Every structure is written in C-alpha cells, then in structure tokens.
Amino acid sequence: MEDSNTIAAKRFKQIRKNNGATQKEFAGLLDIKNNIADIERGRTKITGYTLVKLIQQCNINPLWLYGFSAIKNMNALQADVTPKVITLNSEKNENMVLVDAKAAAGYPTNIQDRHWFTELPAFDFPLPQYRNASFRGFQVQGDSMYPNLKPNEWVIAKGMDTLNDLSNKRICVVVLKDSILVKELHKQPGSSLVELISLNPSYPKITIDSHEIQEVWEVTSKLSFDIHSIGETATIHELQLAMQRLTSEVNSLKNK
C-alpha cells in the first residue's frame, strides 16, 4: 500500500496536469522555488507553504492530497445559491413571487434588485407545507422536462442555501448568469461539477461548475391550467385568482 507522501506526489502531478501547466508555470502559480520535478518524483516533500498555495490557487482538499478523503475540492458544492431577494407582504411575512416566462428573461440580471422583485405578482400560500422556507413560482418554458412538466405549466419550488442541502437527482429551477433552466440536477461526488439533465431524451445533458449557479430552487409541486388559448398576462392573472380563492377557502375553514 502506498504511503501518504507517495500519494501526495502523484496527486500533485495530477493537479498540475489538470491545470494544463508546465512544471515552470506551476511553480510560478504556487509562488515556490522548489524543484517541481523532485516533488512529483517524491524526492522532496510538499511544504506547508506549498500546501496553503494548493488550497488557495487550486481549491485542493489536503485530506484528498494525502489519500485520506475522496473529496478533491475544499468547497465542492458549497457555492452560495441562497435566494438573493425575498419579498414581504403588509404583515411582514414572506410571500411567494411568481416568475412567468417573460419575467424569467430578466431574472438573472435583476437577481439582487429588490425593486424589480416588488414589481412581480406575489401571493400568500396558506398551506402549512409552504411555511418556514422561501418558495417561488416559476413558469416552465419548452418541453425539455416532458412528460413530467409540460410547456407553460407552473412549478412551486423551495429555495436552497447550498447544493449540499439538496438531495441528488432532484428536479430544480437553476438560475445561471444568463438564463433560468428547469432540470434534474445530478451532483458529482467529490467535484464541484453538476449535470443538468432533461427528462426529454432529445435534449443533451449540460455540465457546469456549481459556482456558475446563482440560485437553486427545488421543485416541490406543480400547478397545471388549461392556458392554450390565453396569453402570458392572462395566465399569471388566472393563477393569482386561483391562489386568492384557495386562501379565502382555507381562512374560512379556520374560522369555523
């Protein structure tokens, strides 16, 4: 069985090659004067300073470097994907914002603009399962998640803080820098890479780094309406009316 220093030497070389760097370039990246060739051959041990640089520059988990962990990256899946803005109703309780297909186009660039969010329609959902967390409604675009989700259906999704809080292979609303996607999110053990999978097999999988994600919302339920004959504005209005009726019905039951 290889000792930890031998494993570290091999993995040090692997890190350099994965970065596409020559030995001279890697020494410059780590700001070290050690002979990189000697480290990779196991003739020179990795110093504490070099280890710190590997963590800072390459996000390397030192336990993985020495063979004591399968997790290569220090902050794999730890990217902050928490909701950037929440809105409150007149009673200072969080409400549920609705993001239709038109609003979705501007969502990524306005993700921290509180005023932009207050312009979106919102409602209170009176059911207990939609309390004690942030929920948001999103309209599904396209048929990439067919047959589970049809075009123009609505999903209700729960905001996540990090991907570690999310069970693997869950359908999510993923907010990237320039788009919103509804996909099944597959986490890769020991890596910051995630795969976004369409349930419609005609669409290819998408592989991205988790740090490219701005927000993740785990889909918990969906709402279906017959909206083929009406436009987006009418659709979101109809959804608001339905939620208002539901709220009134629940409140009336509470008062009995």
C-alpha atoms as a PDB file:
ATOM      1  CA  MET A   1       0.000   0.000   0.000  1.00  0.00           C
ATOM      2  CA  GLU A   2       1.347   3.428  -0.928  1.00  0.00           C
ATOM      3  CA  ASP A   3       2.211   5.791   1.888  1.00  0.00           C
ATOM      4  CA  SER A   4       0.621   9.238   2.101  1.00  0.00           C
ATOM      5  CA  ASN A   5       3.689  11.080   0.782  1.00  0.00           C
ATOM      6  CA  THR A   6       3.808   8.888  -2.340  1.00  0.00           C
ATOM      7  CA  ILE A   7       0.098   9.507  -2.935  1.00  0.00           C
ATOM      8  CA  ALA A   8       0.637  13.244  -2.431  1.00  0.00           C
ATOM      9  CA  ALA A   9       3.450  13.302  -5.002  1.00  0.00           C
ATOM     10  CA  LYS A  10       1.279  11.576  -7.627  1.00  0.00           C
ATOM     11  CA  ARG A  11      -1.708  13.789  -6.932  1.00  0.00           C
ATOM     12  CA  PHE A  12       0.459  16.905  -7.001  1.00  0.00           C
ATOM     13  CA  LYS A  13       1.456  15.969 -10.550  1.00  0.00           C
ATOM     14  CA  GLN A  14      -2.169  15.231 -11.404  1.00  0.00           C
ATOM     15  CA  ILE A  15      -3.192  18.705 -10.200  1.00  0.00           C
ATOM     16  CA  ARG A  16      -0.522  20.340 -12.351  1.00  0.00           C
ATOM     17  CA  LYS A  17      -1.576  18.423 -15.468  1.00  0.00           C
ATOM     18  CA  ASN A  18      -5.267  19.145 -14.841  1.00  0.00           C
ATOM     19  CA  ASN A  19      -4.356  22.838 -14.790  1.00  0.00           C
ATOM     20  CA  GLY A  20      -2.558  22.457 -18.124  1.00  0.00           C
ATOM     21  CA  ALA A  21       0.636  23.909 -16.643  1.00  0.00           C
ATOM     22  CA  THR A  22       4.276  23.093 -17.240  1.00  0.00           C
ATOM     23  CA  GLN A  23       6.461  22.485 -14.200  1.00  0.00           C
ATOM     24  CA  LYS A  24       7.838  26.032 -14.504  1.00  0.00           C
ATOM     25  CA  GLU A  25       4.371  27.542 -14.860  1.00  0.00           C
ATOM     26  CA  PHE A  26       3.071  25.576 -11.878  1.00  0.00           C
ATOM     27  CA  ALA A  27       5.964  26.748  -9.712  1.00  0.00           C
ATOM     28  CA  GLY A  28       5.055  30.304 -10.669  1.00  0.00           C
ATOM     29  CA  LEU A  29       1.374  29.745  -9.885  1.00  0.00           C
ATOM     30  CA  LEU A  30       2.234  28.415  -6.423  1.00  0.00           C
ATOM     31  CA  ASP A  31       4.970  31.029  -5.911  1.00  0.00           C
ATOM     32  CA  ILE A  32       7.522  28.417  -4.886  1.00  0.00           C
ATOM     33  CA  LYS A  33      11.171  27.871  -5.716  1.00  0.00           C
ATOM     34  CA  ASN A  34      11.121  24.140  -5.052  1.00  0.00           C
ATOM     35  CA  ASN A  35      12.006  21.843  -7.919  1.00  0.00           C
ATOM     36  CA  ILE A  36       8.590  20.695  -9.155  1.00  0.00           C
ATOM     37  CA  ALA A  37      10.125  17.592 -10.752  1.00  0.00           C
ATOM     38  CA  ASP A  38      11.539  16.483  -7.380  1.00  0.00           C
ATOM     39  CA  ILE A  39       8.135  16.935  -5.701  1.00  0.00           C
ATOM     40  CA  GLU A  40       6.408  14.884  -8.410  1.00  0.00           C
ATOM     41  CA  ARG A  41       9.030  12.114  -8.066  1.00  0.00           C
ATOM     42  CA  GLY A  42       8.585  12.059  -4.304  1.00  0.00           C
ATOM     43  CA  ARG A  43      12.148  13.183  -3.628  1.00  0.00           C
ATOM     44  CA  THR A  44      11.004  16.432  -1.973  1.00  0.00           C
ATOM     45  CA  LYS A  45       8.056  16.577   0.409  1.00  0.00           C
ATOM     46  CA  ILE A  46       5.334  19.155  -0.054  1.00  0.00           C
ATOM     47  CA  THR A  47       5.912  22.001   2.397  1.00  0.00           C
ATOM     48  CA  GLY A  48       3.235  23.698   4.483  1.00  0.00           C
ATOM     49  CA  TYR A  49       3.575  26.827   2.347  1.00  0.00           C
ATOM     50  CA  THR A  50       3.047  24.835  -0.855  1.00  0.00           C
ATOM     51  CA  LEU A  51       0.013  23.135   0.692  1.00  0.00           C
ATOM     52  CA  VAL A  52      -1.520  26.521   1.533  1.00  0.00           C
ATOM     53  CA  LYS A  53      -0.954  27.655  -2.059  1.00  0.00           C
ATOM     54  CA  LEU A  54      -2.595  24.499  -3.405  1.00  0.00           C
ATOM     55  CA  ILE A  55      -5.647  25.304  -1.298  1.00  0.00           C
ATOM     56  CA  GLN A  56      -5.719  28.968  -2.342  1.00  0.00           C
ATOM     57  CA  GLN A  57      -4.943  28.570  -6.027  1.00  0.00           C
ATOM     58  CA  CYS A  58      -6.403  25.149  -6.845  1.00  0.00           C
ATOM     59  CA  ASN A  59      -9.102  24.656  -4.204  1.00  0.00           C
ATOM     60  CA  ILE A  60      -7.446  21.367  -3.137  1.00  0.00           C
ATOM     61  CA  ASN A  61      -8.610  19.452  -0.078  1.00  0.00           C
ATOM     62  CA  PRO A  62      -5.383  18.489   1.789  1.00  0.00           C
ATOM     63  CA  LEU A  63      -7.010  15.267   3.044  1.00  0.00           C
ATOM     64  CA  TRP A  64      -7.575  14.216  -0.574  1.00  0.00           C
ATOM     65  CA  LEU A  65      -4.000  15.161  -1.499  1.00  0.00           C
ATOM     66  CA  TYR A  66      -2.620  12.692   1.034  1.00  0.00           C
ATOM     67  CA  GLY A  67      -5.149   9.944   0.328  1.00  0.00           C
ATOM     68  CA  PHE A  68      -7.428  10.355   3.337  1.00  0.00           C
ATOM     69  CA  SER A  69     -10.528  11.612   1.521  1.00  0.00           C
ATOM     70  CA  ALA A  70     -12.355  11.095  -1.755  1.00  0.00           C
ATOM     71  CA  ILE A  71     -13.357  14.786  -1.842  1.00  0.00           C
ATOM     72  CA  LYS A  72     -10.856  16.607  -4.042  1.00  0.00           C
ATOM     73  CA  ASN A  73     -12.065  20.199  -3.697  1.00  0.00           C
ATOM     74  CA  MET A  74     -12.303  22.199  -0.489  1.00  0.00           C
ATOM     75  CA  ASN A  75     -15.581  23.889  -1.336  1.00  0.00           C
ATOM     76  CA  ALA A  76     -17.165  21.330  -3.650  1.00  0.00           C
ATOM     77  CA  LEU A  77     -20.877  22.114  -3.888  1.00  0.00           C
ATOM     78  CA  GLN A  78     -20.553  24.844  -1.241  1.00  0.00           C
ATOM     79  CA  ALA A  79     -21.369  27.700  -3.610  1.00  0.00           C
ATOM     80  CA  ASP A  80     -23.911  30.128  -2.163  1.00  0.00           C
ATOM     81  CA  VAL A  81     -27.156  29.515  -4.078  1.00  0.00           C
ATOM     82  CA  THR A  82     -29.486  31.018  -1.489  1.00  0.00           C
ATOM     83  CA  PRO A  83     -32.277  33.341  -2.716  1.00  0.00           C
ATOM     84  CA  LYS A  84     -30.787  36.802  -3.158  1.00  0.00           C
ATOM     85  CA  VAL A  85     -34.047  38.718  -2.598  1.00  0.00           C
ATOM     86  CA  ILE A  86     -37.224  37.852  -0.731  1.00  0.00           C
ATOM     87  CA  THR A  87     -40.387  39.953  -0.595  1.00  0.00           C
ATOM     88  CA  LEU A  88     -42.749  40.542   2.320  1.00  0.00           C
ATOM     89  CA  ASN A  89     -46.456  41.224   2.495  1.00  0.00           C
ATOM     90  CA  SER A  90     -48.104  44.024   4.502  1.00  0.00           C
ATOM     91  CA  GLU A  91     -47.882  41.885   7.639  1.00  0.00           C
ATOM     92  CA  LYS A  92     -44.109  41.464   7.190  1.00  0.00           C
ATOM     93  CA  ASN A  93     -44.448  37.781   6.292  1.00  0.00           C
ATOM     94  CA  GLU A  94     -42.616  36.354   3.283  1.00  0.00           C
ATOM     95  CA  ASN A  95     -44.827  35.828   0.260  1.00  0.00           C
ATOM     96  CA  MET A  96     -44.447  33.792  -2.902  1.00  0.00           C
ATOM     97  CA  VAL A  97     -43.283  35.643  -6.031  1.00  0.00           C
ATOM     98  CA  LEU A  98     -44.474  34.432  -9.438  1.00  0.00           C
ATOM     99  CA  VAL A  99     -41.955  34.370 -12.290  1.00  0.00           C
ATOM    100  CA  ASP A 100     -43.622  33.850 -15.656  1.00  0.00           C
ATOM    101  CA  ALA A 101     -41.807  33.190 -18.931  1.00  0.00           C
ATOM    102  CA  LYS A 102     -41.476  36.907 -19.707  1.00  0.00           C
ATOM    103  CA  ALA A 103     -40.066  37.789 -16.278  1.00  0.00           C
ATOM    104  CA  ALA A 104     -37.657  34.846 -16.422  1.00  0.00           C
ATOM    105  CA  ALA A 105     -35.713  36.597 -19.202  1.00  0.00           C
ATOM    106  CA  GLY A 106     -34.770  39.451 -16.868  1.00  0.00           C
ATOM    107  CA  TYR A 107     -34.468  37.428 -13.654  1.00  0.00           C
ATOM    108  CA  PRO A 108     -30.711  36.589 -13.797  1.00  0.00           C
ATOM    109  CA  THR A 109     -29.607  40.179 -14.339  1.00  0.00           C
ATOM    110  CA  ASN A 110     -32.024  41.584 -11.737  1.00  0.00           C
ATOM    111  CA  ILE A 111     -31.401  38.875  -9.174  1.00  0.00           C
ATOM    112  CA  GLN A 112     -30.345  41.352  -6.455  1.00  0.00           C
ATOM    113  CA  ASP A 113     -32.657  44.205  -7.436  1.00  0.00           C
ATOM    114  CA  ARG A 114     -35.273  44.388  -4.678  1.00  0.00           C
ATOM    115  CA  HIS A 115     -37.387  46.924  -6.570  1.00  0.00           C
ATOM    116  CA  TRP A 116     -37.557  44.637  -9.622  1.00  0.00           C
ATOM    117  CA  PHE A 117     -38.925  41.817  -7.475  1.00  0.00           C
ATOM    118  CA  THR A 118     -41.574  44.008  -5.852  1.00  0.00           C
ATOM    119  CA  GLU A 119     -42.951  44.644  -9.352  1.00  0.00           C
ATOM    120  CA  LEU A 120     -43.643  40.928  -9.837  1.00  0.00           C
ATOM    121  CA  PRO A 121     -47.001  39.468  -8.787  1.00  0.00           C
ATOM    122  CA  ALA A 122     -46.966  37.632  -5.460  1.00  0.00           C
ATOM    123  CA  PHE A 123     -49.399  35.874  -3.151  1.00  0.00           C
ATOM    124  CA  ASP A 124     -49.599  34.182   0.241  1.00  0.00           C
ATOM    125  CA  PHE A 125     -49.945  30.406   0.192  1.00  0.00           C
ATOM    126  CA  PRO A 126     -51.901  29.402   3.316  1.00  0.00           C
ATOM    127  CA  LEU A 127     -50.949  25.710   3.411  1.00  0.00           C
ATOM    128  CA  PRO A 128     -48.529  24.725   6.230  1.00  0.00           C
ATOM    129  CA  GLN A 129     -46.096  22.913   3.922  1.00  0.00           C
ATOM    130  CA  TYR A 130     -45.286  26.258   2.326  1.00  0.00           C
ATOM    131  CA  ARG A 131     -44.181  27.898   5.559  1.00  0.00           C
ATOM    132  CA  ASN A 132     -40.787  28.220   7.265  1.00  0.00           C
ATOM    133  CA  ALA A 133     -38.893  28.413   3.953  1.00  0.00           C
ATOM    134  CA  SER A 134     -38.660  30.542   0.815  1.00  0.00           C
ATOM    135  CA  PHE A 135     -40.883  29.429  -2.047  1.00  0.00           C
ATOM    136  CA  ARG A 136     -41.247  30.822  -5.540  1.00  0.00           C
ATOM    137  CA  GLY A 137     -43.439  30.039  -8.533  1.00  0.00           C
ATOM    138  CA  PHE A 138     -41.835  29.576 -11.953  1.00  0.00           C
ATOM    139  CA  GLN A 139     -43.458  29.003 -15.338  1.00  0.00           C
ATOM    140  CA  VAL A 140     -41.986  26.112 -17.320  1.00  0.00           C
ATOM    141  CA  GLN A 141     -40.635  27.006 -20.751  1.00  0.00           C
ATOM    142  CA  GLY A 142     -40.212  24.465 -23.544  1.00  0.00           C
ATOM    143  CA  ASP A 143     -40.619  20.696 -23.483  1.00  0.00           C
ATOM    144  CA  SER A 144     -37.215  19.581 -22.154  1.00  0.00           C
ATOM    145  CA  MET A 145     -38.866  18.145 -18.990  1.00  0.00           C
ATOM    146  CA  TYR A 146     -41.752  16.468 -20.824  1.00  0.00           C
ATOM    147  CA  PRO A 147     -43.710  14.365 -19.863  1.00  0.00           C
ATOM    148  CA  ASN A 148     -43.317  15.286 -16.162  1.00  0.00           C
ATOM    149  CA  LEU A 149     -43.607  19.007 -16.861  1.00  0.00           C
ATOM    150  CA  LYS A 150     -45.406  20.404 -19.864  1.00  0.00           C
ATOM    151  CA  PRO A 151     -44.760  23.800 -21.501  1.00  0.00           C
ATOM    152  CA  ASN A 152     -46.375  26.696 -19.610  1.00  0.00           C
ATOM    153  CA  GLU A 153     -47.159  24.678 -16.505  1.00  0.00           C
ATOM    154  CA  TRP A 154     -46.194  26.247 -13.196  1.00  0.00           C
ATOM    155  CA  VAL A 155     -43.917  24.750 -10.570  1.00  0.00           C
ATOM    156  CA  ILE A 156     -43.583  25.783  -6.948  1.00  0.00           C
ATOM    157  CA  ALA A 157     -40.022  25.493  -5.730  1.00  0.00           C
ATOM    158  CA  LYS A 158     -38.194  25.819  -2.412  1.00  0.00           C
ATOM    159  CA  GLY A 159     -35.056  27.967  -2.138  1.00  0.00           C
ATOM    160  CA  MET A 160     -31.821  26.191  -1.199  1.00  0.00           C
ATOM    161  CA  ASP A 161     -28.792  27.629   0.643  1.00  0.00           C
ATOM    162  CA  THR A 162     -26.168  25.283  -0.841  1.00  0.00           C
ATOM    163  CA  LEU A 163     -26.225  22.246  -3.106  1.00  0.00           C
ATOM    164  CA  ASN A 164     -25.222  20.127  -0.106  1.00  0.00           C
ATOM    165  CA  ASP A 165     -28.728  20.797   1.253  1.00  0.00           C
ATOM    166  CA  LEU A 166     -30.238  19.274  -1.895  1.00  0.00           C
ATOM    167  CA  SER A 167     -30.837  15.560  -2.403  1.00  0.00           C
ATOM    168  CA  ASN A 168     -29.266  14.216  -5.566  1.00  0.00           C
ATOM    169  CA  LYS A 169     -31.218  13.882  -8.808  1.00  0.00           C
ATOM    170  CA  ARG A 170     -33.985  16.306  -7.876  1.00  0.00           C
ATOM    171  CA  ILE A 171     -35.883  18.482 -10.346  1.00  0.00           C
ATOM    172  CA  CYS A 172     -34.803  22.066  -9.749  1.00  0.00           C
ATOM    173  CA  VAL A 173     -35.083  25.572 -11.101  1.00  0.00           C
ATOM    174  CA  VAL A 174     -31.453  26.554 -11.715  1.00  0.00           C
ATOM    175  CA  VAL A 175     -30.658  30.249 -12.108  1.00  0.00           C
ATOM    176  CA  LEU A 176     -27.451  30.798 -14.085  1.00  0.00           C
ATOM    177  CA  LYS A 177     -25.776  34.074 -15.029  1.00  0.00           C
ATOM    178  CA  ASP A 178     -27.840  34.475 -18.189  1.00  0.00           C
ATOM    179  CA  SER A 179     -30.772  32.067 -18.020  1.00  0.00           C
ATOM    180  CA  ILE A 180     -33.181  30.022 -15.910  1.00  0.00           C
ATOM    181  CA  LEU A 181     -33.369  26.268 -16.504  1.00  0.00           C
ATOM    182  CA  VAL A 182     -35.692  23.634 -15.095  1.00  0.00           C
ATOM    183  CA  LYS A 183     -33.682  20.409 -14.970  1.00  0.00           C
ATOM    184  CA  GLU A 184     -32.930  17.323 -12.912  1.00  0.00           C
ATOM    185  CA  LEU A 185     -29.746  18.199 -11.031  1.00  0.00           C
ATOM    186  CA  HIS A 186     -27.119  15.456 -10.665  1.00  0.00           C
ATOM    187  CA  LYS A 187     -24.269  16.124  -8.215  1.00  0.00           C
ATOM    188  CA  GLN A 188     -20.865  14.551  -8.844  1.00  0.00           C
ATOM    189  CA  PRO A 189     -19.220  13.097  -5.697  1.00  0.00           C
ATOM    190  CA  GLY A 190     -16.008  14.901  -4.793  1.00  0.00           C
ATOM    191  CA  SER A 191     -16.418  17.510  -7.507  1.00  0.00           C
ATOM    192  CA  SER A 192     -17.887  20.981  -7.916  1.00  0.00           C
ATOM    193  CA  LEU A 193     -19.294  19.918 -11.297  1.00  0.00           C
ATOM    194  CA  VAL A 194     -23.001  19.206 -11.656  1.00  0.00           C
ATOM    195  CA  GLU A 195     -25.012  17.776 -14.531  1.00  0.00           C
ATOM    196  CA  LEU A 196     -28.339  19.278 -15.591  1.00  0.00           C
ATOM    197  CA  ILE A 197     -30.458  16.526 -17.110  1.00  0.00           C
ATOM    198  CA  SER A 198     -33.563  16.892 -19.276  1.00  0.00           C
ATOM    199  CA  LEU A 199     -36.245  14.226 -18.911  1.00  0.00           C
ATOM    200  CA  ASN A 200     -36.963  14.574 -22.635  1.00  0.00           C
ATOM    201  CA  PRO A 201     -34.211  12.362 -24.160  1.00  0.00           C
ATOM    202  CA  SER A 202     -33.901  14.562 -27.243  1.00  0.00           C
ATOM    203  CA  TYR A 203     -32.068  17.180 -25.145  1.00  0.00           C
ATOM    204  CA  PRO A 204     -28.376  16.709 -24.259  1.00  0.00           C
ATOM    205  CA  LYS A 205     -27.133  16.924 -20.683  1.00  0.00           C
ATOM    206  CA  ILE A 206     -25.437  20.113 -19.545  1.00  0.00           C
ATOM    207  CA  THR A 207     -22.324  20.009 -17.341  1.00  0.00           C
ATOM    208  CA  ILE A 208     -21.429  23.130 -15.375  1.00  0.00           C
ATOM    209  CA  ASP A 209     -19.413  24.154 -12.327  1.00  0.00           C
ATOM    210  CA  SER A 210     -21.630  24.734  -9.304  1.00  0.00           C
ATOM    211  CA  HIS A 211     -20.057  28.162  -8.854  1.00  0.00           C
ATOM    212  CA  GLU A 212     -21.727  29.285 -12.097  1.00  0.00           C
ATOM    213  CA  ILE A 213     -25.107  28.921 -10.367  1.00  0.00           C
ATOM    214  CA  GLN A 214     -26.715  31.962  -8.758  1.00  0.00           C
ATOM    215  CA  GLU A 215     -29.738  30.279  -7.163  1.00  0.00           C
ATOM    216  CA  VAL A 216     -31.247  26.808  -6.921  1.00  0.00           C
ATOM    217  CA  TRP A 217     -34.902  26.157  -6.179  1.00  0.00           C
ATOM    218  CA  GLU A 218     -36.015  22.568  -5.523  1.00  0.00           C
ATOM    219  CA  VAL A 219     -39.335  21.828  -7.230  1.00  0.00           C
ATOM    220  CA  THR A 220     -41.855  20.577  -4.682  1.00  0.00           C
ATOM    221  CA  SER A 221     -45.104  20.693  -6.667  1.00  0.00           C
ATOM    222  CA  LYS A 222     -46.662  21.848  -9.911  1.00  0.00           C
ATOM    223  CA  LEU A 223     -49.834  23.651 -10.960  1.00  0.00           C
ATOM    224  CA  SER A 224     -51.496  22.859 -14.283  1.00  0.00           C
ATOM    225  CA  PHE A 225     -54.009  25.080 -16.053  1.00  0.00           C
ATOM    226  CA  ASP A 226     -55.646  24.943 -19.463  1.00  0.00           C
ATOM    227  CA  ILE A 227     -53.869  28.006 -20.850  1.00  0.00           C
ATOM    228  CA  HIS A 228     -53.533  27.166 -24.545  1.00  0.00           C
ATOM    229  CA  SER A 229     -55.999  29.840 -25.611  1.00  0.00           C
ATOM    230  CA  ILE A 230     -54.746  32.726 -23.484  1.00  0.00           C
ATOM    231  CA  GLY A 231     -51.542  34.709 -23.259  1.00  0.00           C
ATOM    232  CA  GLU A 232     -48.957  35.010 -20.532  1.00  0.00           C
ATOM    233  CA  THR A 233     -50.549  38.040 -18.853  1.00  0.00           C
ATOM    234  CA  ALA A 234     -53.917  36.330 -18.552  1.00  0.00           C
ATOM    235  CA  THR A 235     -52.249  33.140 -17.391  1.00  0.00           C
ATOM    236  CA  ILE A 236     -50.471  34.710 -14.445  1.00  0.00           C
ATOM    237  CA  HIS A 237     -53.618  36.657 -13.553  1.00  0.00           C
ATOM    238  CA  GLU A 238     -55.612  33.426 -13.577  1.00  0.00           C
ATOM    239  CA  LEU A 239     -53.040  31.828 -11.297  1.00  0.00           C
ATOM    240  CA  GLN A 240     -53.278  34.735  -8.856  1.00  0.00           C
ATOM    241  CA  LEU A 241     -57.068  34.469  -8.781  1.00  0.00           C
ATOM    242  CA  ALA A 242     -56.839  30.730  -8.091  1.00  0.00           C
ATOM    243  CA  MET A 243     -54.446  31.330  -5.187  1.00  0.00           C
ATOM    244  CA  GLN A 244     -56.691  34.049  -3.783  1.00  0.00           C
ATOM    245  CA  ARG A 245     -59.673  31.686  -3.872  1.00  0.00           C
ATOM    246  CA  LEU A 246     -57.618  28.998  -2.135  1.00  0.00           C
ATOM    247  CA  THR A 247     -56.557  31.455   0.570  1.00  0.00           C
ATOM    248  CA  SER A 248     -60.160  32.508   1.160  1.00  0.00           C
ATOM    249  CA  GLU A 249     -61.308  28.891   1.394  1.00  0.00           C
ATOM    250  CA  VAL A 250     -58.590  27.959   3.876  1.00  0.00           C
ATOM    251  CA  ASN A 251     -59.293  31.030   6.014  1.00  0.00           C
ATOM    252  CA  SER A 252     -62.995  30.243   6.056  1.00  0.00           C
ATOM    253  CA  LEU A 253     -62.264  26.726   7.277  1.00  0.00           C
ATOM    254  CA  LYS A 254     -60.091  28.111  10.066  1.00  0.00           C
ATOM    255  CA  ASN A 255     -62.925  30.352  11.226  1.00  0.00           C
ATOM    256  CA  LYS A 256     -65.445  27.525  11.500  1.00  0.00           C
END
